[in-house]
Amino acid sequence: MGGIEAVWRGRRLLKAVKGLYKDSETTLKVGKEMTDWFEVQRGVGQGCPMSPWLFNIYLDRVLKEALPLFRGGAGLNNCQIQVTMFADNTVLLAESEEELK
């Protein structure tokens, strides 16, 4: 068992993360005015230290399901590279536009 399955094993970590976001509220600055406080219903807060980690866990699962279906890639020194990732940037590589369809 690896990847996302290992991270969420037993669902204890999932419950802990949900607990951190439960009943979260925020306000926005519009121009010079602040809005009323409202409940956050989706997503993670900008600047939250867990945001990149949660994003990577989600994206890992997406890539594990999507890459076997992707037939593209670029050859480099006897390797076939299909994707490059850095921070929140993901690039699919292909030798032709047709391979990206």
N, C-alpha and C. Protein backbone atom coordinates (compact mmCIF):
# COMPACT_ATOMS: atom_id res chain seq x y z
N MET A 1 0.86 -1.18 0.00
CA MET A 1 0.00 0.00 0.00
C MET A 1 0.90 1.23 0.00
N GLY A 2 0.72 2.12 -0.98
CA GLY A 2 1.56 3.31 -1.05
C GLY A 2 0.76 4.51 -1.44
N GLY A 3 1.43 5.63 -1.51
CA GLY A 3 0.80 6.86 -1.95
C GLY A 3 -0.33 7.30 -1.04
N ILE A 4 -1.41 7.67 -1.68
CA ILE A 4 -2.54 8.25 -0.95
C ILE A 4 -3.17 7.26 0.03
N GLU A 5 -3.16 5.98 -0.32
CA GLU A 5 -3.75 4.98 0.57
C GLU A 5 -3.01 4.96 1.91
N ALA A 6 -1.68 5.07 1.86
CA ALA A 6 -0.89 5.05 3.09
C ALA A 6 -1.16 6.30 3.93
N VAL A 7 -1.33 7.43 3.27
CA VAL A 7 -1.56 8.68 3.99
C VAL A 7 -2.89 8.65 4.73
N TRP A 8 -3.93 8.12 4.09
CA TRP A 8 -5.26 8.15 4.68
C TRP A 8 -5.62 6.85 5.39
N ARG A 9 -4.66 5.94 5.61
CA ARG A 9 -4.93 4.67 6.26
C ARG A 9 -5.64 4.89 7.60
N GLY A 10 -6.70 4.15 7.81
CA GLY A 10 -7.44 4.25 9.06
C GLY A 10 -8.30 5.49 9.17
N ARG A 11 -8.21 6.37 8.23
CA ARG A 11 -9.00 7.61 8.18
C ARG A 11 -8.77 8.53 9.38
N ARG A 12 -7.83 8.21 10.25
CA ARG A 12 -7.57 9.08 11.40
C ARG A 12 -7.02 10.43 10.94
N LEU A 13 -6.11 10.39 9.98
CA LEU A 13 -5.54 11.63 9.47
C LEU A 13 -6.60 12.46 8.75
N LEU A 14 -7.46 11.78 7.99
CA LEU A 14 -8.54 12.47 7.29
C LEU A 14 -9.45 13.18 8.29
N LYS A 15 -9.80 12.50 9.36
CA LYS A 15 -10.65 13.11 10.39
C LYS A 15 -9.95 14.31 11.03
N ALA A 16 -8.64 14.19 11.24
CA ALA A 16 -7.89 15.30 11.84
C ALA A 16 -7.89 16.52 10.93
N VAL A 17 -7.65 16.31 9.64
CA VAL A 17 -7.63 17.42 8.69
C VAL A 17 -9.02 18.07 8.61
N LYS A 18 -10.06 17.24 8.51
CA LYS A 18 -11.42 17.80 8.46
C LYS A 18 -11.71 18.60 9.73
N GLY A 19 -11.23 18.11 10.87
CA GLY A 19 -11.44 18.82 12.13
C GLY A 19 -10.79 20.19 12.14
N LEU A 20 -9.63 20.30 11.49
CA LEU A 20 -8.96 21.60 11.43
C LEU A 20 -9.74 22.63 10.61
N TYR A 21 -10.48 22.15 9.63
CA TYR A 21 -11.23 23.06 8.75
C TYR A 21 -12.70 23.20 9.16
N LYS A 22 -13.14 22.42 10.12
CA LYS A 22 -14.55 22.48 10.56
C LYS A 22 -14.86 23.86 11.14
N ASP A 23 -16.00 24.38 10.75
CA ASP A 23 -16.49 25.68 11.24
C ASP A 23 -15.53 26.84 10.93
N SER A 24 -14.77 26.72 9.82
CA SER A 24 -13.86 27.80 9.43
C SER A 24 -14.66 28.98 8.87
N GLU A 25 -14.23 30.17 9.23
CA GLU A 25 -14.83 31.39 8.71
C GLU A 25 -13.75 32.30 8.19
N THR A 26 -14.14 33.18 7.28
CA THR A 26 -13.20 34.14 6.73
C THR A 26 -13.92 35.42 6.36
N THR A 27 -13.15 36.42 6.04
CA THR A 27 -13.67 37.69 5.55
C THR A 27 -12.79 38.11 4.38
N LEU A 28 -13.31 38.93 3.51
CA LEU A 28 -12.57 39.39 2.35
C LEU A 28 -12.44 40.91 2.37
N LYS A 29 -11.35 41.38 1.81
CA LYS A 29 -11.17 42.82 1.65
C LYS A 29 -11.54 43.17 0.22
N VAL A 30 -12.54 44.02 0.06
CA VAL A 30 -12.99 44.47 -1.25
C VAL A 30 -12.77 45.98 -1.29
N GLY A 31 -11.80 46.38 -2.08
CA GLY A 31 -11.42 47.80 -2.06
C GLY A 31 -10.80 48.10 -0.70
N LYS A 32 -11.40 49.03 0.01
CA LYS A 32 -10.92 49.36 1.36
C LYS A 32 -11.82 48.81 2.45
N GLU A 33 -12.87 48.14 2.05
CA GLU A 33 -13.86 47.62 3.00
C GLU A 33 -13.69 46.12 3.22
N MET A 34 -14.03 45.67 4.41
CA MET A 34 -14.03 44.24 4.74
C MET A 34 -15.47 43.73 4.69
N THR A 35 -15.64 42.53 4.14
CA THR A 35 -16.98 41.93 4.10
C THR A 35 -17.32 41.40 5.48
N ASP A 36 -18.59 41.00 5.64
CA ASP A 36 -18.98 40.28 6.84
C ASP A 36 -18.29 38.92 6.84
N TRP A 37 -18.13 38.33 8.01
CA TRP A 37 -17.56 36.99 8.12
C TRP A 37 -18.54 35.98 7.54
N PHE A 38 -18.00 34.96 6.84
CA PHE A 38 -18.84 33.90 6.29
C PHE A 38 -18.13 32.57 6.41
N GLU A 39 -18.92 31.48 6.38
CA GLU A 39 -18.38 30.13 6.51
C GLU A 39 -17.66 29.70 5.23
N VAL A 40 -16.50 29.09 5.39
CA VAL A 40 -15.75 28.52 4.26
C VAL A 40 -16.34 27.14 4.01
N GLN A 41 -16.85 26.92 2.80
CA GLN A 41 -17.50 25.66 2.49
C GLN A 41 -16.63 24.71 1.68
N ARG A 42 -15.63 25.23 0.98
CA ARG A 42 -14.76 24.40 0.14
C ARG A 42 -13.36 24.96 0.13
N GLY A 43 -12.42 24.09 -0.18
CA GLY A 43 -11.05 24.52 -0.38
C GLY A 43 -10.27 24.69 0.90
N VAL A 44 -9.07 25.18 0.73
CA VAL A 44 -8.18 25.45 1.86
C VAL A 44 -7.77 26.90 1.81
N GLY A 45 -7.39 27.41 2.93
CA GLY A 45 -7.07 28.82 3.02
C GLY A 45 -5.76 29.17 2.33
N GLN A 46 -5.73 30.32 1.68
CA GLN A 46 -4.51 30.80 1.07
C GLN A 46 -3.51 31.07 2.18
N GLY A 47 -2.31 30.55 2.01
CA GLY A 47 -1.29 30.72 3.04
C GLY A 47 -1.30 29.64 4.09
N CYS A 48 -2.29 28.76 4.06
CA CYS A 48 -2.35 27.66 5.02
C CYS A 48 -1.17 26.72 4.76
N PRO A 49 -0.39 26.36 5.78
CA PRO A 49 0.76 25.50 5.55
C PRO A 49 0.40 24.10 5.03
N MET A 50 -0.83 23.69 5.23
CA MET A 50 -1.25 22.37 4.74
C MET A 50 -1.68 22.38 3.29
N SER A 51 -1.94 23.55 2.72
CA SER A 51 -2.46 23.64 1.35
C SER A 51 -1.59 22.90 0.33
N PRO A 52 -0.28 23.14 0.28
CA PRO A 52 0.53 22.43 -0.72
C PRO A 52 0.52 20.92 -0.50
N TRP A 53 0.54 20.49 0.73
CA TRP A 53 0.54 19.07 1.06
C TRP A 53 -0.76 18.41 0.61
N LEU A 54 -1.89 19.04 0.92
CA LEU A 54 -3.19 18.50 0.51
C LEU A 54 -3.32 18.49 -1.02
N PHE A 55 -2.83 19.53 -1.66
CA PHE A 55 -2.85 19.59 -3.13
C PHE A 55 -2.04 18.44 -3.72
N ASN A 56 -0.86 18.19 -3.18
CA ASN A 56 -0.01 17.12 -3.69
C ASN A 56 -0.64 15.74 -3.49
N ILE A 57 -1.30 15.53 -2.38
CA ILE A 57 -1.97 14.25 -2.16
C ILE A 57 -3.07 14.05 -3.19
N TYR A 58 -3.86 15.08 -3.43
CA TYR A 58 -4.93 15.00 -4.42
C TYR A 58 -4.37 14.77 -5.82
N LEU A 59 -3.37 15.56 -6.19
CA LEU A 59 -2.81 15.45 -7.54
C LEU A 59 -2.12 14.11 -7.76
N ASP A 60 -1.52 13.56 -6.73
CA ASP A 60 -0.89 12.24 -6.84
C ASP A 60 -1.92 11.21 -7.27
N ARG A 61 -3.08 11.26 -6.67
CA ARG A 61 -4.15 10.31 -7.02
C ARG A 61 -4.63 10.52 -8.46
N VAL A 62 -4.81 11.78 -8.85
CA VAL A 62 -5.26 12.10 -10.21
C VAL A 62 -4.26 11.57 -11.23
N LEU A 63 -2.98 11.82 -11.01
CA LEU A 63 -1.95 11.38 -11.95
C LEU A 63 -1.86 9.86 -12.03
N LYS A 64 -1.98 9.18 -10.90
CA LYS A 64 -1.92 7.71 -10.92
C LYS A 64 -3.05 7.11 -11.74
N GLU A 65 -4.19 7.78 -11.78
CA GLU A 65 -5.31 7.29 -12.58
C GLU A 65 -5.23 7.74 -14.03
N ALA A 66 -4.70 8.93 -14.28
CA ALA A 66 -4.70 9.50 -15.63
C ALA A 66 -3.51 9.07 -16.49
N LEU A 67 -2.34 8.97 -15.91
CA LEU A 67 -1.15 8.70 -16.72
C LEU A 67 -1.18 7.37 -17.48
N PRO A 68 -1.74 6.30 -16.92
CA PRO A 68 -1.80 5.07 -17.73
C PRO A 68 -2.62 5.24 -19.01
N LEU A 69 -3.51 6.21 -19.06
CA LEU A 69 -4.33 6.46 -20.24
C LEU A 69 -3.65 7.41 -21.23
N PHE A 70 -2.61 8.09 -20.79
CA PHE A 70 -1.91 9.07 -21.61
C PHE A 70 -0.84 8.37 -22.44
N ARG A 71 -0.89 8.53 -23.74
CA ARG A 71 0.04 7.84 -24.64
C ARG A 71 1.18 8.74 -25.09
N GLY A 72 1.23 9.96 -24.62
CA GLY A 72 2.27 10.89 -25.04
C GLY A 72 3.55 10.70 -24.26
N GLY A 73 4.42 11.67 -24.40
CA GLY A 73 5.69 11.66 -23.71
C GLY A 73 6.78 12.14 -24.64
N ALA A 74 7.86 12.56 -24.06
CA ALA A 74 9.01 13.02 -24.84
C ALA A 74 10.22 12.18 -24.47
N GLY A 75 10.93 11.74 -25.49
CA GLY A 75 12.11 10.92 -25.25
C GLY A 75 13.29 11.76 -24.80
N LEU A 76 14.00 11.27 -23.79
CA LEU A 76 15.19 11.95 -23.30
C LEU A 76 16.15 10.90 -22.75
N ASN A 77 17.27 10.69 -23.46
CA ASN A 77 18.28 9.72 -23.01
C ASN A 77 17.66 8.36 -22.66
N ASN A 78 16.95 7.78 -23.59
CA ASN A 78 16.35 6.45 -23.43
C ASN A 78 15.25 6.41 -22.36
N CYS A 79 14.71 7.55 -21.99
CA CYS A 79 13.59 7.61 -21.04
C CYS A 79 12.40 8.26 -21.73
N GLN A 80 11.22 7.87 -21.34
CA GLN A 80 10.00 8.50 -21.85
C GLN A 80 9.40 9.32 -20.70
N ILE A 81 9.47 10.64 -20.80
CA ILE A 81 8.96 11.52 -19.75
C ILE A 81 7.58 12.00 -20.16
N GLN A 82 6.59 11.72 -19.33
CA GLN A 82 5.21 12.08 -19.64
C GLN A 82 4.76 13.36 -18.95
N VAL A 83 5.31 13.64 -17.78
CA VAL A 83 4.83 14.78 -17.01
C VAL A 83 5.98 15.36 -16.19
N THR A 84 5.97 16.68 -16.03
CA THR A 84 6.86 17.35 -15.10
C THR A 84 6.00 18.18 -14.16
N MET A 85 6.43 18.27 -12.92
CA MET A 85 5.64 18.99 -11.92
C MET A 85 6.57 19.81 -11.04
N PHE A 86 6.15 21.01 -10.72
CA PHE A 86 6.85 21.86 -9.77
C PHE A 86 5.82 22.75 -9.10
N ALA A 87 5.78 22.72 -7.79
CA ALA A 87 4.80 23.48 -7.01
C ALA A 87 3.40 23.14 -7.52
N ASP A 88 2.64 24.12 -8.00
CA ASP A 88 1.29 23.82 -8.51
C ASP A 88 1.24 23.85 -10.03
N ASN A 89 2.38 23.66 -10.68
CA ASN A 89 2.45 23.62 -12.14
C ASN A 89 2.64 22.19 -12.61
N THR A 90 1.82 21.77 -13.56
CA THR A 90 1.92 20.44 -14.13
C THR A 90 1.98 20.58 -15.65
N VAL A 91 2.95 19.90 -16.27
CA VAL A 91 3.12 19.96 -17.72
C VAL A 91 3.12 18.55 -18.27
N LEU A 92 2.19 18.28 -19.19
CA LEU A 92 2.20 17.01 -19.92
C LEU A 92 3.08 17.19 -21.14
N LEU A 93 3.95 16.22 -21.39
CA LEU A 93 4.87 16.31 -22.51
C LEU A 93 4.44 15.36 -23.62
N ALA A 94 4.62 15.79 -24.86
CA ALA A 94 4.29 14.95 -26.01
C ALA A 94 5.15 15.37 -27.19
N GLU A 95 5.32 14.44 -28.11
CA GLU A 95 6.11 14.72 -29.30
C GLU A 95 5.27 15.42 -30.37
N SER A 96 3.93 15.34 -30.23
CA SER A 96 3.06 15.98 -31.21
C SER A 96 1.78 16.46 -30.53
N GLU A 97 1.11 17.36 -31.19
CA GLU A 97 -0.17 17.87 -30.68
C GLU A 97 -1.20 16.74 -30.61
N GLU A 98 -1.13 15.82 -31.53
CA GLU A 98 -2.08 14.69 -31.59
C GLU A 98 -1.98 13.82 -30.32
N GLU A 99 -0.78 13.64 -29.80
CA GLU A 99 -0.60 12.83 -28.59
C GLU A 99 -1.25 13.45 -27.36
N LEU A 100 -1.49 14.74 -27.39
CA LEU A 100 -2.11 15.43 -26.26
C LEU A 100 -3.63 15.33 -26.26
N LYS A 101 -4.20 14.87 -27.37
CA LYS A 101 -5.66 14.79 -27.47
C LYS A 101 -6.19 13.53 -26.84
